[in-house]
Amino acid sequence: MPESPARRCPLSSQRPTLADVASTAGVSVSTASLAFSGAGPIAAATRERVLAAAAELGYLGPNPLGRQLRSGRSGIVGVVVGDALRRSFRDPVSIQVLDGLVSTLGEMGLGVLLIPGPSDPAEPPVDPLVLSAGMDVAVLLWGSGTHDPVLEALRRRGVPTVVVEGIPEPDVATVGLDDRRGMTELVQHLQSLGHESFACVTLAFDRQRGDGFVEPERWNEVVWQVTRRRLDGVLDAGITPTAVYETPASLVEHGKTAGFAILSAPQRPTAVVCQSDLLASGVVLAARELGLRVPDDVSVAGFDGLDLPWLAPDVLTSVAQPLAEKGATVGRAVASLLAGEMPEPVELAVTLRPGTTTGPAPR
């Protein structure tokens, strides 16, 4: 039985080149190149002739890889999301920040390479893409801690980096939030309502992503800066939480698990302060299933300022952060680094937004 002829890849070496276009248009290769770049002295009629020749031959433009090699740039910004993508894309905070960032980078003609974090503590902390992928600038969306392995790997490569909600350092651009003060104001708001007994539901302390109550001796061992600052903000209000519950990620189900554990305890707090709105909404759902009234029996508050219509009739009391503006600010920091400038650290303001899930402490 005769063998079937090999199928030819449509992107083969037979595709037209810039030299073919130049020959068809009757111009030099350099003139044809100017027609595509839109720069330099070239007559309009000549440009039209070159573009018509390109259309006739099916030539789509210069090879982008060649352009990258000539310019020394990839046109790509590597965005390290800090968690598995399947979790990150369930979090409206990540999505809205990415939307603001991608929109800003798109206006500059830059593409984005999403780089996930490890989904399991047993996995290597640094994704291979961090070590090898072509990128002009890197963005760490999850605030790094001290001696962060991803940041250290980027430093070794000499990749300019923007750290979001991390530690300000001289060699990186930083975009942060005034979240520590925001959490203090949130607790003070609850104190003004008569609350004295507080529990906290936190984001992960470190890459081990614990799930459960944390003893007080570990409260000072938080590595990830977002968790560190927001817990410090609670302590700054002068309270000692009756319980601190660490969750693996900002997801509703983790908040619900924490809520069941906290609200089923013999000494139930009157207020539960959460480090994200998704965690807080999970605590509200747990309270409902336990037959508790929010806020009559327990007040619940979060952080982010998300619109969560599925939680109706409740509207979370929250500390709102400017999510889209945060992404756009990161994009502007990228532009500064590409221009060879180190931007000043930026700290975005947050705003207390009272809702229906907090009220006077029960008597």
Protein backbone atom coordinates (compact mmCIF):
# COMPACT_ATOMS: atom_id res chain seq x y z
CA MET A 1 0.00 0.00 0.00
CA PRO A 2 1.61 3.29 -1.05
CA GLU A 3 2.47 5.79 1.67
CA SER A 4 0.38 8.90 1.91
CA PRO A 5 2.19 12.03 0.80
CA ALA A 6 3.50 14.12 3.66
CA ARG A 7 1.35 17.09 4.55
CA ARG A 8 3.12 20.40 4.21
CA CYS A 9 2.87 22.88 7.09
CA PRO A 10 1.14 26.03 5.84
CA LEU A 11 3.79 28.13 7.64
CA SER A 12 6.59 26.74 5.49
CA SER A 13 9.67 28.31 4.01
CA GLN A 14 7.67 28.98 0.83
CA ARG A 15 5.93 32.01 2.35
CA PRO A 16 6.82 35.34 0.71
CA THR A 17 9.61 37.47 2.11
CA LEU A 18 10.23 41.19 2.27
CA ALA A 19 12.71 40.75 -0.58
CA ASP A 20 9.92 39.23 -2.72
CA VAL A 21 7.71 42.24 -1.98
CA ALA A 22 10.52 44.65 -2.84
CA SER A 23 11.17 42.88 -6.15
CA THR A 24 7.49 42.88 -7.10
CA ALA A 25 7.15 46.57 -6.23
CA GLY A 26 10.36 47.47 -8.02
CA VAL A 27 12.03 49.02 -4.95
CA SER A 28 14.97 48.19 -2.70
CA VAL A 29 14.53 46.03 0.40
CA SER A 30 15.31 49.03 2.62
CA THR A 31 12.57 51.06 0.93
CA ALA A 32 10.09 48.20 1.39
CA SER A 33 11.07 48.03 5.06
CA LEU A 34 10.37 51.75 5.47
CA ALA A 35 6.92 51.24 3.95
CA PHE A 36 6.02 48.78 6.71
CA SER A 37 7.64 50.66 9.59
CA GLY A 38 5.85 53.91 8.80
CA ALA A 39 9.06 55.84 9.54
CA GLY A 40 11.58 57.59 7.39
CA PRO A 41 11.38 59.47 4.06
CA ILE A 42 9.26 57.55 1.56
CA ALA A 43 6.75 58.87 -0.96
CA ALA A 44 3.11 58.01 -0.40
CA ALA A 45 2.83 56.52 -3.89
CA THR A 46 5.85 54.27 -3.23
CA ARG A 47 4.40 53.10 0.07
CA GLU A 48 1.09 52.28 -1.62
CA ARG A 49 2.92 50.32 -4.32
CA VAL A 50 4.82 48.29 -1.72
CA LEU A 51 1.67 47.54 0.29
CA ALA A 52 -0.19 46.54 -2.88
CA ALA A 53 2.64 44.14 -3.76
CA ALA A 54 2.49 42.71 -0.25
CA ALA A 55 -1.25 42.15 -0.53
CA GLU A 56 -0.79 40.46 -3.93
CA LEU A 57 1.83 38.06 -2.51
CA GLY A 58 0.04 37.47 0.81
CA TYR A 59 2.90 38.99 2.79
CA LEU A 60 1.70 40.01 6.27
CA GLY A 61 4.69 42.02 7.45
CA PRO A 62 8.21 41.66 8.83
CA ASN A 63 8.93 38.66 11.07
CA PRO A 64 8.29 39.80 14.66
CA LEU A 65 11.12 37.60 15.93
CA GLY A 66 13.53 39.44 13.67
CA ARG A 67 12.21 42.76 14.91
CA GLN A 68 12.73 41.60 18.51
CA LEU A 69 16.30 40.53 17.76
CA ARG A 70 17.09 43.88 16.14
CA SER A 71 15.56 45.93 18.97
CA GLY A 72 16.80 43.73 21.81
CA ARG A 73 13.29 43.63 23.26
CA SER A 74 10.59 40.98 23.31
CA GLY A 75 7.61 43.30 23.70
CA ILE A 76 6.44 40.99 26.49
CA VAL A 77 5.76 41.69 30.17
CA GLY A 78 5.91 38.63 32.41
CA VAL A 79 3.17 38.72 35.06
CA VAL A 80 3.72 36.32 37.95
CA VAL A 81 0.29 35.82 39.52
CA GLY A 82 1.61 34.10 42.64
CA ASP A 83 -0.89 31.22 42.66
CA ALA A 84 -2.25 28.51 40.40
CA LEU A 85 -4.13 30.11 37.50
CA ARG A 86 -7.26 28.06 38.22
CA ARG A 87 -7.52 29.78 41.61
CA SER A 88 -6.46 33.23 40.43
CA PHE A 89 -9.17 33.34 37.76
CA ARG A 90 -11.83 32.59 40.36
CA ASP A 91 -10.82 35.72 42.28
CA PRO A 92 -12.43 38.95 41.02
CA VAL A 93 -9.58 40.92 42.60
CA SER A 94 -6.98 39.25 40.38
CA ILE A 95 -9.20 39.59 37.31
CA GLN A 96 -9.90 43.31 37.79
CA VAL A 97 -6.25 44.15 38.49
CA LEU A 98 -5.16 42.16 35.44
CA ASP A 99 -7.77 43.92 33.32
CA GLY A 100 -6.43 47.33 34.31
CA LEU A 101 -2.86 46.19 33.72
CA VAL A 102 -3.45 44.51 30.36
CA SER A 103 -5.47 47.46 29.07
CA THR A 104 -2.64 49.85 29.92
CA LEU A 105 0.05 47.60 28.44
CA GLY A 106 -2.03 47.05 25.30
CA GLU A 107 -2.06 50.79 24.64
CA MET A 108 1.76 50.60 24.66
CA GLY A 109 1.81 47.69 22.19
CA LEU A 110 3.02 45.24 24.86
CA GLY A 111 1.90 41.65 25.32
CA VAL A 112 1.53 39.72 28.57
CA LEU A 113 2.87 36.33 29.59
CA LEU A 114 0.98 34.95 32.61
CA ILE A 115 3.22 32.90 34.87
CA PRO A 116 1.52 30.85 37.59
CA GLY A 117 2.77 30.25 41.07
CA PRO A 118 3.00 26.72 42.50
CA SER A 119 -0.34 25.04 43.17
CA ASP A 120 1.23 22.83 45.85
CA PRO A 121 3.92 23.65 48.46
CA ALA A 122 5.86 20.60 47.29
CA GLU A 123 6.38 22.14 43.84
CA PRO A 124 9.44 24.31 43.11
CA PRO A 125 8.78 27.92 44.17
CA VAL A 126 10.07 29.33 40.86
CA ASP A 127 8.28 28.49 37.62
CA PRO A 128 10.65 27.60 34.72
CA LEU A 129 9.23 30.51 32.72
CA VAL A 130 10.65 32.91 35.32
CA LEU A 131 14.08 31.47 34.62
CA SER A 132 13.99 31.37 30.83
CA ALA A 133 11.09 33.22 29.17
CA GLY A 134 11.85 36.35 27.15
CA MET A 135 10.41 39.40 28.92
CA ASP A 136 11.33 43.07 29.05
CA VAL A 137 9.83 43.65 32.51
CA ALA A 138 8.37 41.35 35.16
CA VAL A 139 5.43 42.08 37.46
CA LEU A 140 4.92 40.22 40.75
CA LEU A 141 1.20 40.59 41.46
CA TRP A 142 1.43 39.01 44.90
CA GLY A 143 3.51 41.02 47.37
CA SER A 144 6.86 39.34 47.86
CA GLY A 145 8.38 38.65 51.22
CA THR A 146 11.99 38.87 52.32
CA HIS A 147 14.35 36.81 50.15
CA ASP A 148 11.55 35.96 47.74
CA PRO A 149 12.91 33.24 45.39
CA VAL A 150 11.03 34.55 42.34
CA LEU A 151 12.33 38.08 42.84
CA GLU A 152 15.85 36.77 43.43
CA ALA A 153 15.68 34.76 40.17
CA LEU A 154 14.59 37.85 38.24
CA ARG A 155 17.40 39.86 39.81
CA ARG A 156 19.94 37.30 38.69
CA ARG A 157 18.60 37.61 35.13
CA GLY A 158 18.68 41.39 35.30
CA VAL A 159 14.95 41.69 34.50
CA PRO A 160 13.47 45.04 35.70
CA THR A 161 10.63 44.23 38.09
CA VAL A 162 7.47 45.79 39.50
CA VAL A 163 6.37 44.35 42.84
CA VAL A 164 2.72 44.81 43.77
CA GLU A 165 2.01 45.12 47.51
CA GLY A 166 5.51 44.01 48.43
CA ILE A 167 8.44 45.49 50.31
CA PRO A 168 9.79 48.74 48.79
CA GLU A 169 13.40 48.17 47.74
CA PRO A 170 15.77 50.42 45.76
CA ASP A 171 16.13 48.11 42.75
CA VAL A 172 12.44 47.36 42.14
CA ALA A 173 9.39 49.48 41.36
CA THR A 174 6.62 49.06 43.94
CA VAL A 175 2.88 49.68 43.84
CA GLY A 176 1.20 49.22 47.19
CA LEU A 177 -1.95 49.85 49.19
CA ASP A 178 -2.54 51.65 52.44
CA ASP A 179 -4.18 48.43 53.59
CA ARG A 180 -2.67 48.37 57.09
CA ARG A 181 -4.37 51.67 57.93
CA GLY A 182 -7.54 50.47 56.18
CA MET A 183 -7.76 47.40 58.41
CA THR A 184 -7.20 49.54 61.50
CA GLU A 185 -10.08 51.82 60.48
CA LEU A 186 -12.28 48.78 59.89
CA VAL A 187 -11.65 47.46 63.41
CA GLN A 188 -12.17 50.92 64.87
CA HIS A 189 -15.51 51.11 63.05
CA LEU A 190 -16.54 47.86 64.73
CA GLN A 191 -15.26 49.08 68.09
CA SER A 192 -17.47 52.16 67.71
CA LEU A 193 -20.39 49.73 67.41
CA GLY A 194 -19.49 48.20 70.76
CA HIS A 195 -17.52 45.14 69.62
CA GLU A 196 -14.74 43.88 71.88
CA SER A 197 -14.41 40.22 70.85
CA PHE A 198 -12.82 39.78 67.41
CA ALA A 199 -11.68 36.85 65.25
CA CYS A 200 -9.57 37.20 62.10
CA VAL A 201 -9.63 35.16 58.91
CA THR A 202 -6.36 35.71 57.05
CA LEU A 203 -4.83 34.98 53.71
CA ALA A 204 -1.94 32.50 53.59
CA PHE A 205 1.06 33.22 55.83
CA ASP A 206 3.59 31.74 53.39
CA ARG A 207 3.91 29.30 50.50
CA GLN A 208 2.92 26.40 52.77
CA ARG A 209 -0.65 27.77 52.62
CA GLY A 210 -1.85 26.54 55.99
CA ASP A 211 -5.51 25.91 56.75
CA GLY A 212 -6.59 26.28 60.36
CA PHE A 213 -6.24 28.17 63.61
CA VAL A 214 -2.86 29.82 64.18
CA GLU A 215 -1.37 30.12 67.66
CA PRO A 216 -0.32 33.64 68.80
CA GLU A 217 3.38 32.74 68.75
CA ARG A 218 3.13 32.36 64.95
CA TRP A 219 1.48 35.71 64.32
CA ASN A 220 4.88 37.34 63.92
CA GLU A 221 6.12 34.70 61.47
CA VAL A 222 4.07 35.83 58.47
CA VAL A 223 6.22 35.89 55.31
CA TRP A 224 3.78 37.19 52.70
CA GLN A 225 3.48 40.93 53.04
CA VAL A 226 -0.21 41.34 52.19
CA THR A 227 -1.15 39.03 55.06
CA ARG A 228 1.43 40.65 57.34
CA ARG A 229 0.20 44.21 56.86
CA ARG A 230 -3.50 43.40 57.18
CA LEU A 231 -2.96 41.40 60.37
CA ASP A 232 -0.79 44.22 61.74
CA GLY A 233 -3.59 46.64 60.93
CA VAL A 234 -5.94 44.68 63.18
CA LEU A 235 -3.38 44.62 65.99
CA ASP A 236 -2.73 48.36 65.56
CA ALA A 237 -6.31 49.00 66.73
CA GLY A 238 -5.24 47.74 70.16
CA ILE A 239 -7.08 44.43 70.19
CA THR A 240 -5.91 40.86 70.62
CA PRO A 241 -8.04 38.55 68.44
CA THR A 242 -9.68 35.63 70.20
CA ALA A 243 -8.76 33.53 67.16
CA VAL A 244 -6.74 33.84 63.95
CA TYR A 245 -7.63 31.39 61.18
CA GLU A 246 -5.26 31.05 58.22
CA THR A 247 -6.70 30.05 54.82
CA PRO A 248 -4.85 28.65 51.77
CA ALA A 249 -6.31 31.16 49.29
CA SER A 250 -8.91 33.89 48.85
CA LEU A 251 -11.87 31.69 47.93
CA VAL A 252 -15.41 31.54 49.27
CA GLU A 253 -15.12 27.90 50.33
CA HIS A 254 -12.06 28.66 52.47
CA GLY A 255 -13.95 31.47 54.18
CA LYS A 256 -16.88 29.16 54.79
CA THR A 257 -14.64 26.53 56.39
CA ALA A 258 -13.09 29.19 58.60
CA GLY A 259 -16.53 30.56 59.47
CA PHE A 260 -17.83 27.19 60.61
CA ALA A 261 -14.76 26.68 62.80
CA ILE A 262 -14.86 30.16 64.37
CA LEU A 263 -18.62 30.45 64.85
CA SER A 264 -18.97 26.94 66.28
CA ALA A 265 -16.43 27.60 69.02
CA PRO A 266 -17.66 27.76 72.65
CA GLN A 267 -16.56 31.42 72.95
CA ARG A 268 -17.99 32.87 69.77
CA PRO A 269 -16.66 36.33 68.81
CA THR A 270 -19.10 39.12 68.07
CA ALA A 271 -17.14 40.28 65.02
CA VAL A 272 -15.14 38.46 62.33
CA VAL A 273 -12.68 40.53 60.30
CA CYS A 274 -11.49 38.93 57.05
CA GLN A 275 -8.58 39.84 54.79
CA SER A 276 -10.65 39.55 51.60
CA ASP A 277 -14.27 39.90 50.59
CA LEU A 278 -14.46 36.35 49.26
CA LEU A 279 -13.33 35.02 52.65
CA ALA A 280 -15.84 37.30 54.39
CA SER A 281 -18.68 36.14 52.14
CA GLY A 282 -17.84 32.55 53.05
CA VAL A 283 -18.11 33.43 56.75
CA VAL A 284 -21.52 35.02 56.10
CA LEU A 285 -22.70 31.82 54.36
CA ALA A 286 -21.42 29.73 57.29
CA ALA A 287 -23.29 31.96 59.74
CA ARG A 288 -26.51 31.53 57.78
CA GLU A 289 -26.16 27.73 57.78
CA LEU A 290 -25.51 27.78 61.54
CA GLY A 291 -28.72 29.73 62.05
CA LEU A 292 -26.95 32.93 63.08
CA ARG A 293 -28.23 36.33 62.05
CA VAL A 294 -25.80 38.76 60.39
CA PRO A 295 -25.25 41.31 61.88
CA ASP A 296 -27.57 40.76 64.88
CA ASP A 297 -25.64 37.76 66.24
CA VAL A 298 -22.27 38.35 64.56
CA SER A 299 -20.80 41.11 62.40
CA VAL A 300 -18.63 40.19 59.41
CA ALA A 301 -16.35 42.49 57.41
CA GLY A 302 -13.91 42.04 54.55
CA PHE A 303 -11.40 43.80 52.35
CA ASP A 304 -11.48 44.67 48.61
CA GLY A 305 -14.79 46.42 48.02
CA LEU A 306 -16.17 43.84 45.59
CA ASP A 307 -19.69 43.87 44.20
CA LEU A 308 -21.16 40.50 45.25
CA PRO A 309 -24.84 40.49 44.17
CA TRP A 310 -25.16 36.76 44.85
CA LEU A 311 -24.74 37.50 48.59
CA ALA A 312 -28.04 39.46 48.64
CA PRO A 313 -29.73 40.66 50.69
CA ASP A 314 -26.44 41.26 52.47
CA VAL A 315 -23.92 43.87 51.33
CA LEU A 316 -20.51 43.35 52.89
CA THR A 317 -18.91 45.98 55.04
CA SER A 318 -15.50 46.23 53.43
CA VAL A 319 -12.36 48.25 52.87
CA ALA A 320 -12.48 49.13 49.17
CA GLN A 321 -9.32 49.25 47.08
CA PRO A 322 -9.08 50.78 43.56
CA LEU A 323 -8.58 47.54 41.63
CA ALA A 324 -8.58 48.77 38.02
CA GLU A 325 -6.50 51.82 38.98
CA LYS A 326 -4.00 49.53 40.70
CA GLY A 327 -3.55 47.59 37.47
CA ALA A 328 -3.17 50.80 35.45
CA THR A 329 -0.63 52.14 37.97
CA VAL A 330 1.40 48.95 37.58
CA GLY A 331 1.27 49.46 33.80
CA ARG A 332 2.64 52.98 34.16
CA ALA A 333 5.45 51.66 36.35
CA VAL A 334 6.28 49.17 33.57
CA ALA A 335 6.46 52.06 31.09
CA SER A 336 8.90 53.91 33.36
CA LEU A 337 11.17 50.88 33.64
CA LEU A 338 11.14 50.43 29.86
CA ALA A 339 12.23 54.06 29.55
CA GLY A 340 15.17 53.33 31.83
CA GLU A 341 13.66 55.19 34.80
CA MET A 342 12.95 53.89 38.31
CA PRO A 343 9.54 55.25 39.36
CA GLU A 344 8.90 56.42 42.90
CA PRO A 345 7.00 53.92 45.10
CA VAL A 346 3.23 54.39 44.88
CA GLU A 347 0.80 53.73 47.73
CA LEU A 348 -2.86 53.78 46.74
CA ALA A 349 -5.53 54.89 49.18
CA VAL A 350 -8.28 52.60 50.45
CA THR A 351 -11.74 53.54 51.71
CA LEU A 352 -13.96 52.09 54.44
CA ARG A 353 -17.33 51.12 52.94
CA PRO A 354 -19.95 50.19 55.57
CA GLY A 355 -22.57 47.66 54.49
CA THR A 356 -25.31 45.58 56.06
CA THR A 357 -23.09 42.85 57.56
CA THR A 358 -21.91 44.93 60.54
CA GLY A 359 -24.00 46.35 63.34
CA PRO A 360 -24.04 46.92 67.09
CA ALA A 361 -22.49 44.20 69.24
CA PRO A 362 -25.10 41.80 70.62
CA ARG A 363 -25.93 42.30 74.29
